[in-house]
Amino acid sequence: MVLLSDPRVRNVPVLECGEPLVEIAGDSGITLDPRERDAAGEYGRVRAGVLERLRSASERLPAGVRFLAVEGHRSLAEQARRFTRYEDRLRLSGITDPAERRRRTSAFVSPVEVAPHCAGAAVDLTLIAADGVELDMGGPVNGHRTGDERACPLDAPGLSEAARNNRGLLARCLRAEGFVNYPSEWWHWSYGDRYWALLSGVRAARYGPI
């Protein structure tokens, strides 16, 4: 697995295309969840091209199933706060080596300088039924916050058949529109950022921090 702390990610150049951030809530095919709402409402925005692909991916879902978007854009300050908080948690657990702490932290919180959310390129997603109830995904979005790290990877072992099928559905629809997954987080998908460029074999990222 390539972590976001890998120097190869940082070394990908950015050719900023200048697309604006747009509101996810304005799209009829995607439901926006309030659990990560911030005062400025940034969590509910992504780049225009990301939303266009997300809309196309939603049209691939079977009848009665929808995307639930949990978080899109994130400020640099908030990203830094989350990185430090998780790194401190690891420090208190006894991980004393700074390089190892940074590596382990980046499994769940990206270093600020390459963070896909800060570029408006990433969205945290799950699936809901027509009645708004979340489908069984084998673990919650942001499960690392509650000690559910084992269930966080997309291909985590021990999932029920229903959870594995639902993760597979999520992955097929998003990958068909060019999104890439961060493998340690089944809910995290991005397009156009440095991590996407590296995994997709693209020379440069389309989106930098915004």
N, C-alpha and C. Protein backbone atom coordinates (compact mmCIF):
# COMPACT_ATOMS: atom_id res chain seq x y z
N MET A 1 0.84 -1.20 0.00
CA MET A 1 0.00 0.00 0.00
C MET A 1 0.88 1.25 0.00
N VAL A 2 0.57 2.19 -0.87
CA VAL A 2 1.27 3.48 -0.90
C VAL A 2 0.58 4.41 0.08
N LEU A 3 1.31 4.88 1.09
CA LEU A 3 0.76 5.81 2.06
C LEU A 3 0.89 7.24 1.57
N LEU A 4 0.08 8.12 2.09
CA LEU A 4 0.14 9.53 1.70
C LEU A 4 1.43 10.21 2.17
N SER A 5 2.13 9.60 3.11
CA SER A 5 3.42 10.13 3.56
C SER A 5 4.56 9.70 2.66
N ASP A 6 4.30 8.85 1.69
CA ASP A 6 5.33 8.38 0.77
C ASP A 6 5.90 9.57 -0.02
N PRO A 7 7.22 9.73 -0.08
CA PRO A 7 7.81 10.86 -0.83
C PRO A 7 7.37 10.93 -2.28
N ARG A 8 6.99 9.80 -2.86
CA ARG A 8 6.55 9.81 -4.25
C ARG A 8 5.27 10.63 -4.44
N VAL A 9 4.44 10.66 -3.42
CA VAL A 9 3.21 11.47 -3.50
C VAL A 9 3.58 12.94 -3.48
N ARG A 10 4.43 13.34 -2.56
CA ARG A 10 4.85 14.74 -2.45
C ARG A 10 5.56 15.21 -3.70
N ASN A 11 6.24 14.32 -4.39
CA ASN A 11 7.01 14.69 -5.58
C ASN A 11 6.17 14.84 -6.84
N VAL A 12 4.90 14.48 -6.78
CA VAL A 12 4.04 14.67 -7.95
C VAL A 12 3.77 16.17 -8.11
N PRO A 13 4.04 16.74 -9.28
CA PRO A 13 3.76 18.17 -9.47
C PRO A 13 2.27 18.44 -9.57
N VAL A 14 1.90 19.68 -9.32
CA VAL A 14 0.50 20.10 -9.44
C VAL A 14 0.40 21.14 -10.55
N LEU A 15 -0.46 20.87 -11.53
CA LEU A 15 -0.80 21.85 -12.56
C LEU A 15 -2.24 22.27 -12.29
N GLU A 16 -2.40 23.24 -11.42
CA GLU A 16 -3.72 23.65 -10.95
C GLU A 16 -4.61 24.11 -12.11
N CYS A 17 -5.79 23.50 -12.21
CA CYS A 17 -6.69 23.80 -13.32
C CYS A 17 -7.66 24.93 -12.99
N GLY A 18 -7.75 25.32 -11.73
CA GLY A 18 -8.56 26.47 -11.37
C GLY A 18 -10.05 26.21 -11.21
N GLU A 19 -10.46 24.95 -11.20
CA GLU A 19 -11.88 24.67 -11.00
C GLU A 19 -12.34 25.15 -9.62
N PRO A 20 -13.54 25.69 -9.53
CA PRO A 20 -14.03 26.15 -8.22
C PRO A 20 -14.56 25.01 -7.37
N LEU A 21 -14.72 25.29 -6.11
CA LEU A 21 -15.45 24.40 -5.22
C LEU A 21 -16.94 24.62 -5.44
N VAL A 22 -17.70 23.54 -5.45
CA VAL A 22 -19.15 23.62 -5.63
C VAL A 22 -19.84 22.83 -4.52
N GLU A 23 -21.10 23.12 -4.33
CA GLU A 23 -21.87 22.51 -3.25
C GLU A 23 -22.38 21.12 -3.62
N ILE A 24 -22.06 20.14 -2.81
CA ILE A 24 -22.57 18.79 -3.01
C ILE A 24 -24.08 18.77 -2.81
N ALA A 25 -24.58 19.54 -1.87
CA ALA A 25 -25.99 19.51 -1.49
C ALA A 25 -26.91 19.91 -2.65
N GLY A 26 -26.37 20.60 -3.64
CA GLY A 26 -27.20 21.01 -4.77
C GLY A 26 -27.45 19.91 -5.77
N ASP A 27 -26.85 18.74 -5.57
CA ASP A 27 -27.02 17.64 -6.51
C ASP A 27 -28.10 16.69 -6.01
N SER A 28 -29.09 16.45 -6.83
CA SER A 28 -30.24 15.65 -6.41
C SER A 28 -29.91 14.17 -6.24
N GLY A 29 -28.79 13.72 -6.80
CA GLY A 29 -28.47 12.30 -6.74
C GLY A 29 -27.62 11.91 -5.55
N ILE A 30 -27.23 12.90 -4.72
CA ILE A 30 -26.32 12.64 -3.61
C ILE A 30 -26.85 13.31 -2.35
N THR A 31 -26.87 12.57 -1.26
CA THR A 31 -27.31 13.12 0.02
C THR A 31 -26.09 13.57 0.82
N LEU A 32 -26.16 14.76 1.42
CA LEU A 32 -25.07 15.28 2.24
C LEU A 32 -25.40 15.06 3.71
N ASP A 33 -24.49 14.38 4.41
CA ASP A 33 -24.67 14.07 5.83
C ASP A 33 -24.07 15.19 6.68
N PRO A 34 -24.69 15.56 7.79
CA PRO A 34 -24.19 16.69 8.58
C PRO A 34 -23.15 16.36 9.63
N ARG A 35 -22.73 15.10 9.77
CA ARG A 35 -21.91 14.74 10.93
C ARG A 35 -20.56 15.45 10.98
N GLU A 36 -20.02 15.86 9.83
CA GLU A 36 -18.72 16.55 9.82
C GLU A 36 -18.87 18.04 9.50
N ARG A 37 -20.06 18.56 9.67
CA ARG A 37 -20.32 19.97 9.33
C ARG A 37 -19.39 20.90 10.10
N ASP A 38 -18.84 21.87 9.40
CA ASP A 38 -18.00 22.90 10.02
C ASP A 38 -18.71 24.24 9.88
N ALA A 39 -18.23 25.22 10.60
CA ALA A 39 -18.92 26.52 10.65
C ALA A 39 -19.04 27.17 9.28
N ALA A 40 -18.03 26.99 8.44
CA ALA A 40 -18.02 27.63 7.13
C ALA A 40 -18.72 26.78 6.06
N GLY A 41 -19.09 25.57 6.40
CA GLY A 41 -19.75 24.70 5.43
C GLY A 41 -18.83 24.11 4.39
N GLU A 42 -17.52 24.16 4.65
CA GLU A 42 -16.56 23.65 3.66
C GLU A 42 -16.71 22.15 3.43
N TYR A 43 -17.13 21.44 4.44
CA TYR A 43 -17.23 19.98 4.34
C TYR A 43 -18.16 19.54 3.21
N GLY A 44 -19.08 20.42 2.82
CA GLY A 44 -20.06 20.07 1.80
C GLY A 44 -19.70 20.51 0.40
N ARG A 45 -18.42 20.77 0.16
CA ARG A 45 -17.97 21.24 -1.16
C ARG A 45 -16.86 20.36 -1.71
N VAL A 46 -16.83 20.24 -3.01
CA VAL A 46 -15.74 19.57 -3.73
C VAL A 46 -15.51 20.33 -5.03
N ARG A 47 -14.44 20.01 -5.72
CA ARG A 47 -14.20 20.63 -7.01
C ARG A 47 -15.32 20.25 -7.99
N ALA A 48 -15.56 21.15 -8.94
CA ALA A 48 -16.64 20.93 -9.91
C ALA A 48 -16.47 19.62 -10.67
N GLY A 49 -15.25 19.30 -11.05
CA GLY A 49 -15.00 18.07 -11.79
C GLY A 49 -15.22 16.83 -10.95
N VAL A 50 -14.94 16.95 -9.66
CA VAL A 50 -15.17 15.83 -8.74
C VAL A 50 -16.66 15.58 -8.60
N LEU A 51 -17.44 16.64 -8.45
CA LEU A 51 -18.88 16.47 -8.33
C LEU A 51 -19.49 15.90 -9.61
N GLU A 52 -18.98 16.34 -10.76
CA GLU A 52 -19.48 15.81 -12.02
C GLU A 52 -19.26 14.30 -12.11
N ARG A 53 -18.09 13.85 -11.70
CA ARG A 53 -17.81 12.40 -11.72
C ARG A 53 -18.59 11.66 -10.64
N LEU A 54 -18.77 12.31 -9.52
CA LEU A 54 -19.56 11.69 -8.45
C LEU A 54 -21.01 11.51 -8.90
N ARG A 55 -21.53 12.50 -9.59
CA ARG A 55 -22.89 12.41 -10.12
C ARG A 55 -23.00 11.25 -11.11
N SER A 56 -22.02 11.12 -11.98
CA SER A 56 -22.03 10.01 -12.95
C SER A 56 -21.94 8.67 -12.25
N ALA A 57 -21.11 8.61 -11.20
CA ALA A 57 -20.98 7.36 -10.44
C ALA A 57 -22.30 7.00 -9.75
N SER A 58 -23.03 8.01 -9.27
CA SER A 58 -24.30 7.75 -8.59
C SER A 58 -25.33 7.14 -9.53
N GLU A 59 -25.21 7.45 -10.81
CA GLU A 59 -26.15 6.91 -11.80
C GLU A 59 -25.89 5.43 -12.07
N ARG A 60 -24.76 4.92 -11.63
CA ARG A 60 -24.44 3.51 -11.78
C ARG A 60 -25.00 2.65 -10.63
N LEU A 61 -25.45 3.30 -9.57
CA LEU A 61 -25.99 2.58 -8.43
C LEU A 61 -27.34 1.95 -8.78
N PRO A 62 -27.67 0.83 -8.17
CA PRO A 62 -28.98 0.22 -8.43
C PRO A 62 -30.10 1.07 -7.85
N ALA A 63 -31.30 0.87 -8.33
CA ALA A 63 -32.46 1.60 -7.82
C ALA A 63 -32.59 1.40 -6.32
N GLY A 64 -32.88 2.50 -5.62
CA GLY A 64 -33.07 2.42 -4.18
C GLY A 64 -31.81 2.58 -3.35
N VAL A 65 -30.66 2.80 -4.01
CA VAL A 65 -29.40 3.01 -3.30
C VAL A 65 -28.83 4.36 -3.72
N ARG A 66 -28.32 5.12 -2.74
CA ARG A 66 -27.76 6.44 -3.00
C ARG A 66 -26.42 6.61 -2.30
N PHE A 67 -25.65 7.58 -2.77
CA PHE A 67 -24.44 7.97 -2.06
C PHE A 67 -24.82 8.87 -0.88
N LEU A 68 -24.15 8.68 0.23
CA LEU A 68 -24.21 9.61 1.35
C LEU A 68 -22.82 10.21 1.49
N ALA A 69 -22.69 11.49 1.18
CA ALA A 69 -21.40 12.18 1.27
C ALA A 69 -21.23 12.70 2.69
N VAL A 70 -20.14 12.29 3.34
CA VAL A 70 -19.89 12.66 4.73
C VAL A 70 -18.99 13.89 4.84
N GLU A 71 -17.99 13.97 3.95
CA GLU A 71 -17.09 15.13 4.01
C GLU A 71 -16.36 15.31 2.69
N GLY A 72 -16.29 16.56 2.25
CA GLY A 72 -15.54 16.90 1.05
C GLY A 72 -14.32 17.74 1.40
N HIS A 73 -14.40 19.03 1.09
CA HIS A 73 -13.26 19.92 1.32
C HIS A 73 -12.99 20.12 2.81
N ARG A 74 -11.71 20.26 3.11
CA ARG A 74 -11.27 20.47 4.49
C ARG A 74 -10.18 21.53 4.48
N SER A 75 -10.23 22.47 5.40
CA SER A 75 -9.23 23.54 5.43
C SER A 75 -7.87 23.00 5.84
N LEU A 76 -6.82 23.73 5.49
CA LEU A 76 -5.47 23.34 5.88
C LEU A 76 -5.32 23.32 7.40
N ALA A 77 -5.94 24.29 8.07
CA ALA A 77 -5.85 24.36 9.53
C ALA A 77 -6.51 23.14 10.17
N GLU A 78 -7.66 22.75 9.66
CA GLU A 78 -8.35 21.59 10.21
C GLU A 78 -7.58 20.31 9.93
N GLN A 79 -6.98 20.23 8.74
CA GLN A 79 -6.18 19.04 8.42
C GLN A 79 -4.99 18.92 9.37
N ALA A 80 -4.34 20.04 9.62
CA ALA A 80 -3.19 20.04 10.53
C ALA A 80 -3.62 19.65 11.94
N ARG A 81 -4.77 20.13 12.37
CA ARG A 81 -5.27 19.80 13.70
C ARG A 81 -5.53 18.29 13.82
N ARG A 82 -6.15 17.71 12.80
CA ARG A 82 -6.46 16.27 12.85
C ARG A 82 -5.19 15.43 12.80
N PHE A 83 -4.21 15.88 12.01
CA PHE A 83 -2.96 15.12 11.93
C PHE A 83 -2.27 15.12 13.29
N THR A 84 -2.19 16.29 13.90
CA THR A 84 -1.52 16.40 15.20
C THR A 84 -2.25 15.59 16.26
N ARG A 85 -3.57 15.62 16.24
CA ARG A 85 -4.35 14.89 17.24
C ARG A 85 -4.13 13.38 17.14
N TYR A 86 -4.11 12.87 15.90
CA TYR A 86 -3.91 11.42 15.75
C TYR A 86 -2.47 11.04 16.07
N GLU A 87 -1.53 11.90 15.67
CA GLU A 87 -0.12 11.64 15.99
C GLU A 87 0.10 11.63 17.51
N ASP A 88 -0.56 12.54 18.21
CA ASP A 88 -0.45 12.57 19.67
C ASP A 88 -1.02 11.29 20.28
N ARG A 89 -2.10 10.80 19.71
CA ARG A 89 -2.69 9.55 20.19
C ARG A 89 -1.69 8.40 20.07
N LEU A 90 -0.97 8.36 18.95
CA LEU A 90 0.03 7.31 18.76
C LEU A 90 1.21 7.49 19.70
N ARG A 91 1.58 8.73 19.95
CA ARG A 91 2.68 9.00 20.89
C ARG A 91 2.32 8.48 22.28
N LEU A 92 1.10 8.73 22.70
CA LEU A 92 0.65 8.27 24.02
C LEU A 92 0.54 6.75 24.10
N SER A 93 0.39 6.11 22.93
CA SER A 93 0.32 4.65 22.92
C SER A 93 1.69 4.00 23.01
N GLY A 94 2.75 4.83 22.93
CA GLY A 94 4.10 4.30 23.10
C GLY A 94 4.96 4.30 21.87
N ILE A 95 4.48 4.88 20.77
CA ILE A 95 5.29 4.95 19.54
C ILE A 95 6.17 6.19 19.63
N THR A 96 7.44 5.97 19.90
CA THR A 96 8.35 7.09 20.19
C THR A 96 9.11 7.59 18.97
N ASP A 97 9.28 6.76 17.94
CA ASP A 97 10.05 7.16 16.77
C ASP A 97 9.22 8.11 15.91
N PRO A 98 9.69 9.35 15.66
CA PRO A 98 8.91 10.33 14.90
C PRO A 98 8.56 9.87 13.48
N ALA A 99 9.49 9.21 12.81
CA ALA A 99 9.23 8.75 11.44
C ALA A 99 8.14 7.68 11.42
N GLU A 100 8.19 6.78 12.40
CA GLU A 100 7.17 5.73 12.48
C GLU A 100 5.81 6.33 12.83
N ARG A 101 5.80 7.31 13.72
CA ARG A 101 4.54 7.97 14.07
C ARG A 101 3.92 8.65 12.85
N ARG A 102 4.77 9.32 12.07
CA ARG A 102 4.27 10.00 10.88
C ARG A 102 3.71 8.99 9.88
N ARG A 103 4.41 7.88 9.72
CA ARG A 103 3.96 6.86 8.78
C ARG A 103 2.61 6.29 9.22
N ARG A 104 2.51 5.96 10.49
CA ARG A 104 1.26 5.37 10.99
C ARG A 104 0.11 6.37 10.98
N THR A 105 0.43 7.62 11.30
CA THR A 105 -0.60 8.65 11.27
C THR A 105 -1.17 8.80 9.87
N SER A 106 -0.28 8.76 8.87
CA SER A 106 -0.72 8.98 7.49
C SER A 106 -1.59 7.86 6.95
N ALA A 107 -1.68 6.75 7.67
CA ALA A 107 -2.60 5.69 7.25
C ALA A 107 -4.04 6.15 7.38
N PHE A 108 -4.30 7.14 8.26
CA PHE A 108 -5.66 7.60 8.47
C PHE A 108 -5.84 9.12 8.36
N VAL A 109 -4.74 9.87 8.47
CA VAL A 109 -4.82 11.32 8.33
C VAL A 109 -3.66 11.77 7.46
N SER A 110 -3.98 12.41 6.35
CA SER A 110 -2.92 12.80 5.41
C SER A 110 -2.06 13.94 5.94
N PRO A 111 -0.75 13.90 5.65
CA PRO A 111 0.06 15.10 5.89
C PRO A 111 -0.54 16.28 5.14
N VAL A 112 -0.49 17.45 5.72
CA VAL A 112 -1.18 18.62 5.18
C VAL A 112 -0.77 18.92 3.75
N GLU A 113 0.52 18.82 3.46
CA GLU A 113 1.02 19.28 2.16
C GLU A 113 0.50 18.47 0.98
N VAL A 114 -0.01 17.28 1.21
CA VAL A 114 -0.51 16.48 0.09
C VAL A 114 -1.97 16.06 0.29
N ALA A 115 -2.65 16.62 1.28
CA ALA A 115 -3.97 16.16 1.66
C ALA A 115 -5.01 16.33 0.54
N PRO A 116 -5.60 15.24 0.06
CA PRO A 116 -6.62 15.34 -0.99
C PRO A 116 -7.83 16.17 -0.59
N HIS A 117 -8.25 16.09 0.66
CA HIS A 117 -9.41 16.88 1.09
C HIS A 117 -9.13 18.37 0.98
N CYS A 118 -7.91 18.79 1.28
CA CYS A 118 -7.57 20.21 1.23
C CYS A 118 -7.54 20.75 -0.20
N ALA A 119 -7.44 19.85 -1.17
CA ALA A 119 -7.47 20.24 -2.59
C ALA A 119 -8.89 20.21 -3.15
N GLY A 120 -9.86 19.83 -2.33
CA GLY A 120 -11.23 19.69 -2.83
C GLY A 120 -11.39 18.50 -3.75
N ALA A 121 -10.43 17.56 -3.66
CA ALA A 121 -10.38 16.43 -4.58
C ALA A 121 -10.94 15.15 -4.00
N ALA A 122 -11.17 15.14 -2.69
CA ALA A 122 -11.58 13.91 -2.01
C ALA A 122 -12.97 14.05 -1.42
N VAL A 123 -13.64 12.92 -1.32
CA VAL A 123 -14.93 12.88 -0.65
C VAL A 123 -15.03 11.56 0.12
N ASP A 124 -15.51 11.65 1.35
CA ASP A 124 -15.76 10.47 2.17
C ASP A 124 -17.21 10.06 1.95
N LEU A 125 -17.41 8.81 1.56
CA LEU A 125 -18.73 8.35 1.12
C LEU A 125 -19.14 7.03 1.74
N THR A 126 -20.44 6.86 1.89
CA THR A 126 -21.01 5.56 2.17
C THR A 126 -22.28 5.43 1.35
N LEU A 127 -23.02 4.35 1.57
CA LEU A 127 -24.24 4.09 0.80
C LEU A 127 -25.44 4.08 1.73
N ILE A 128 -26.58 4.58 1.23
CA ILE A 128 -27.82 4.53 1.99
C ILE A 128 -28.93 3.95 1.12
N ALA A 129 -29.93 3.39 1.80
CA ALA A 129 -31.12 2.89 1.12
C ALA A 129 -32.08 4.05 0.89
N ALA A 130 -33.19 3.76 0.22
CA ALA A 130 -34.17 4.80 -0.11
C ALA A 130 -34.73 5.49 1.13
N ASP A 131 -34.78 4.76 2.26
CA ASP A 131 -35.30 5.34 3.49
C ASP A 131 -34.26 6.12 4.28
N GLY A 132 -33.04 6.24 3.72
CA GLY A 132 -31.98 7.00 4.37
C GLY A 132 -31.13 6.22 5.33
N VAL A 133 -31.42 4.95 5.54
CA VAL A 133 -30.64 4.12 6.45
C VAL A 133 -29.35 3.67 5.76
N GLU A 134 -28.22 3.80 6.46
CA GLU A 134 -26.93 3.40 5.89
C GLU A 134 -26.88 1.89 5.70
N LEU A 135 -26.31 1.47 4.57
CA LEU A 135 -26.14 0.06 4.32
C LEU A 135 -25.01 -0.49 5.18
N ASP A 136 -24.98 -1.79 5.34
CA ASP A 136 -23.93 -2.46 6.11
C ASP A 136 -22.64 -2.41 5.31
N MET A 137 -21.67 -1.65 5.82
CA MET A 137 -20.37 -1.54 5.17
C MET A 137 -19.28 -2.24 5.97
N GLY A 138 -19.66 -2.90 7.05
CA GLY A 138 -18.68 -3.64 7.85
C GLY A 138 -17.93 -2.81 8.86
N GLY A 139 -18.26 -1.54 8.97
CA GLY A 139 -17.60 -0.63 9.90
C GLY A 139 -17.98 0.78 9.55
N PRO A 140 -17.90 1.70 10.49
CA PRO A 140 -18.33 3.08 10.24
C PRO A 140 -17.32 3.90 9.46
N VAL A 141 -17.82 4.95 8.81
CA VAL A 141 -16.92 5.97 8.26
C VAL A 141 -16.11 6.55 9.41
N ASN A 142 -14.82 6.74 9.18
CA ASN A 142 -13.90 7.26 10.21
C ASN A 142 -13.83 6.32 11.43
N GLY A 143 -13.86 5.03 11.15
CA GLY A 143 -13.80 4.05 12.22
C GLY A 143 -12.52 4.09 13.03
N HIS A 144 -11.46 4.69 12.47
CA HIS A 144 -10.21 4.78 13.21
C HIS A 144 -10.34 5.65 14.45
N ARG A 145 -11.35 6.51 14.47
CA ARG A 145 -11.54 7.38 15.63
C ARG A 145 -12.09 6.62 16.83
N THR A 146 -12.74 5.52 16.57
CA THR A 146 -13.39 4.76 17.64
C THR A 146 -12.74 3.41 17.89
N GLY A 147 -11.52 3.23 17.38
CA GLY A 147 -10.79 2.00 17.62
C GLY A 147 -11.14 0.85 16.70
N ASP A 148 -11.82 1.16 15.59
CA ASP A 148 -12.22 0.11 14.65
C ASP A 148 -11.27 0.02 13.45
N GLU A 149 -9.99 0.21 13.69
CA GLU A 149 -9.03 0.26 12.59
C GLU A 149 -9.02 -1.01 11.73
N ARG A 150 -9.25 -2.15 12.33
CA ARG A 150 -9.18 -3.41 11.57
C ARG A 150 -10.21 -3.47 10.46
N ALA A 151 -11.34 -2.82 10.65
CA ALA A 151 -12.41 -2.85 9.64
C ALA A 151 -12.29 -1.72 8.63
N CYS A 152 -11.31 -0.83 8.80
CA CYS A 152 -11.22 0.35 7.94
C CYS A 152 -10.71 0.07 6.52
N PRO A 153 -9.72 -0.81 6.31
CA PRO A 153 -9.25 -1.04 4.94
C PRO A 153 -10.36 -1.55 4.04
N LEU A 154 -10.33 -1.14 2.78
CA LEU A 154 -11.35 -1.55 1.83
C LEU A 154 -11.47 -3.06 1.75
N ASP A 155 -10.34 -3.76 1.79
CA ASP A 155 -10.35 -5.22 1.69
C ASP A 155 -10.13 -5.88 3.05
N ALA A 156 -10.63 -5.27 4.11
CA ALA A 156 -10.45 -5.80 5.46
C ALA A 156 -10.95 -7.24 5.56
N PRO A 157 -10.21 -8.10 6.27
CA PRO A 157 -10.67 -9.48 6.45
C PRO A 157 -11.83 -9.56 7.42
N GLY A 158 -12.58 -10.66 7.32
CA GLY A 158 -13.62 -10.92 8.29
C GLY A 158 -14.92 -10.18 8.08
N LEU A 159 -15.10 -9.52 6.93
CA LEU A 159 -16.35 -8.82 6.66
C LEU A 159 -17.46 -9.80 6.35
N SER A 160 -18.69 -9.42 6.67
CA SER A 160 -19.83 -10.24 6.28
C SER A 160 -19.99 -10.17 4.76
N GLU A 161 -20.75 -11.10 4.21
CA GLU A 161 -20.98 -11.09 2.77
C GLU A 161 -21.67 -9.81 2.33
N ALA A 162 -22.62 -9.35 3.12
CA ALA A 162 -23.34 -8.13 2.78
C ALA A 162 -22.40 -6.92 2.75
N ALA A 163 -21.55 -6.81 3.76
CA ALA A 163 -20.63 -5.68 3.82
C ALA A 163 -19.64 -5.72 2.66
N ARG A 164 -19.13 -6.91 2.38
CA ARG A 164 -18.18 -7.01 1.26
C ARG A 164 -18.85 -6.65 -0.06
N ASN A 165 -20.07 -7.09 -0.25
CA ASN A 165 -20.80 -6.76 -1.48
C ASN A 165 -21.07 -5.27 -1.59
N ASN A 166 -21.41 -4.64 -0.47
CA ASN A 166 -21.69 -3.21 -0.49
C ASN A 166 -20.42 -2.39 -0.75
N ARG A 167 -19.31 -2.81 -0.16
CA ARG A 167 -18.05 -2.13 -0.46
C ARG A 167 -17.68 -2.32 -1.92
N GLY A 168 -17.93 -3.51 -2.43
CA GLY A 168 -17.65 -3.77 -3.84
C GLY A 168 -18.47 -2.90 -4.75
N LEU A 169 -19.74 -2.70 -4.42
CA LEU A 169 -20.61 -1.83 -5.21
C LEU A 169 -20.10 -0.40 -5.20
N LEU A 170 -19.76 0.09 -4.03
CA LEU A 170 -19.21 1.44 -3.89
C LEU A 170 -17.97 1.60 -4.76
N ALA A 171 -17.07 0.63 -4.67
CA ALA A 171 -15.81 0.69 -5.41
C ALA A 171 -16.02 0.64 -6.92
N ARG A 172 -16.87 -0.24 -7.38
CA ARG A 172 -17.09 -0.38 -8.83
C ARG A 172 -17.64 0.91 -9.44
N CYS A 173 -18.61 1.50 -8.77
CA CYS A 173 -19.22 2.72 -9.30
C CYS A 173 -18.24 3.88 -9.34
N LEU A 174 -17.44 4.02 -8.32
CA LEU A 174 -16.50 5.14 -8.25
C LEU A 174 -15.30 4.93 -9.15
N ARG A 175 -14.77 3.73 -9.19
CA ARG A 175 -13.62 3.46 -10.06
C ARG A 175 -13.98 3.63 -11.53
N ALA A 176 -15.21 3.33 -11.88
CA ALA A 176 -15.65 3.48 -13.27
C ALA A 176 -15.60 4.94 -13.72
N GLU A 177 -15.61 5.87 -12.76
CA GLU A 177 -15.55 7.30 -13.09
C GLU A 177 -14.19 7.90 -12.79
N GLY A 178 -13.19 7.04 -12.55
CA GLY A 178 -11.82 7.52 -12.40
C GLY A 178 -11.35 7.79 -10.99
N PHE A 179 -12.19 7.58 -9.99
CA PHE A 179 -11.77 7.80 -8.61
C PHE A 179 -10.81 6.71 -8.15
N VAL A 180 -9.94 7.07 -7.21
CA VAL A 180 -9.07 6.09 -6.56
C VAL A 180 -9.38 6.08 -5.08
N ASN A 181 -9.19 4.93 -4.47
CA ASN A 181 -9.45 4.75 -3.05
C ASN A 181 -8.13 4.81 -2.27
N TYR A 182 -8.21 5.34 -1.05
CA TYR A 182 -7.08 5.23 -0.13
C TYR A 182 -7.30 3.93 0.63
N PRO A 183 -6.51 2.90 0.37
CA PRO A 183 -6.86 1.53 0.79
C PRO A 183 -7.08 1.31 2.28
N SER A 184 -6.54 2.16 3.13
CA SER A 184 -6.75 1.99 4.56
C SER A 184 -8.09 2.56 5.04
N GLU A 185 -8.81 3.24 4.12
CA GLU A 185 -10.09 3.85 4.45
C GLU A 185 -11.10 3.54 3.34
N TRP A 186 -12.00 2.61 3.59
CA TRP A 186 -12.92 2.20 2.53
C TRP A 186 -13.80 3.35 2.03
N TRP A 187 -14.00 4.36 2.84
CA TRP A 187 -14.89 5.47 2.53
C TRP A 187 -14.23 6.61 1.75
N HIS A 188 -12.90 6.63 1.67
CA HIS A 188 -12.18 7.79 1.11
C HIS A 188 -11.85 7.57 -0.37
N TRP A 189 -12.39 8.46 -1.22
CA TRP A 189 -12.18 8.38 -2.67
C TRP A 189 -11.79 9.76 -3.20
N SER A 190 -10.87 9.77 -4.15
CA SER A 190 -10.42 11.07 -4.67
C SER A 190 -10.17 11.02 -6.17
N TYR A 191 -10.16 12.22 -6.74
CA TYR A 191 -9.87 12.39 -8.16
C TYR A 191 -9.14 13.71 -8.33
N GLY A 192 -8.04 13.69 -9.08
CA GLY A 192 -7.36 14.91 -9.46
C GLY A 192 -6.25 15.38 -8.54
N ASP A 193 -6.06 14.74 -7.39
CA ASP A 193 -5.03 15.16 -6.44
C ASP A 193 -3.72 14.42 -6.70
N ARG A 194 -2.72 14.67 -5.90
CA ARG A 194 -1.41 14.04 -6.08
C ARG A 194 -1.47 12.53 -5.93
N TYR A 195 -2.19 12.06 -4.92
CA TYR A 195 -2.29 10.61 -4.71
C TYR A 195 -2.95 9.95 -5.90
N TRP A 196 -4.03 10.54 -6.38
CA TRP A 196 -4.72 10.05 -7.58
C TRP A 196 -3.76 9.99 -8.77
N ALA A 197 -2.98 11.06 -8.97
CA ALA A 197 -2.07 11.11 -10.10
C ALA A 197 -1.03 10.00 -10.03
N LEU A 198 -0.46 9.78 -8.84
CA LEU A 198 0.55 8.74 -8.68
C LEU A 198 -0.03 7.37 -9.00
N LEU A 199 -1.19 7.06 -8.44
CA LEU A 199 -1.78 5.74 -8.65
C LEU A 199 -2.31 5.55 -10.06
N SER A 200 -2.69 6.65 -10.71
CA SER A 200 -3.27 6.57 -12.04
C SER A 200 -2.23 6.67 -13.15
N GLY A 201 -0.98 6.95 -12.78
CA GLY A 201 0.07 7.09 -13.78
C GLY A 201 -0.02 8.38 -14.56
N VAL A 202 -0.63 9.40 -13.95
CA VAL A 202 -0.77 10.71 -14.59
C VAL A 202 0.42 11.58 -14.18
N ARG A 203 0.92 12.38 -15.10
CA ARG A 203 2.15 13.14 -14.86
C ARG A 203 2.00 14.16 -13.74
N ALA A 204 0.83 14.80 -13.63
CA ALA A 204 0.66 15.87 -12.65
C ALA A 204 -0.76 15.85 -12.10
N ALA A 205 -0.90 16.37 -10.89
CA ALA A 205 -2.22 16.53 -10.29
C ALA A 205 -2.93 17.70 -10.92
N ARG A 206 -4.27 17.65 -10.94
CA ARG A 206 -5.09 18.75 -11.45
C ARG A 206 -5.42 19.77 -10.37
N TYR A 207 -5.44 19.29 -9.12
CA TYR A 207 -5.92 20.13 -8.01
C TYR A 207 -4.87 20.20 -6.90
N GLY A 208 -4.57 21.44 -6.48
CA GLY A 208 -3.73 21.65 -5.31
C GLY A 208 -4.55 22.22 -4.18
N PRO A 209 -3.93 22.53 -3.05
CA PRO A 209 -4.66 23.06 -1.90
C PRO A 209 -5.45 24.31 -2.27
N ILE A 210 -6.64 24.42 -1.72
CA ILE A 210 -7.50 25.57 -2.05
C ILE A 210 -8.23 26.03 -0.79
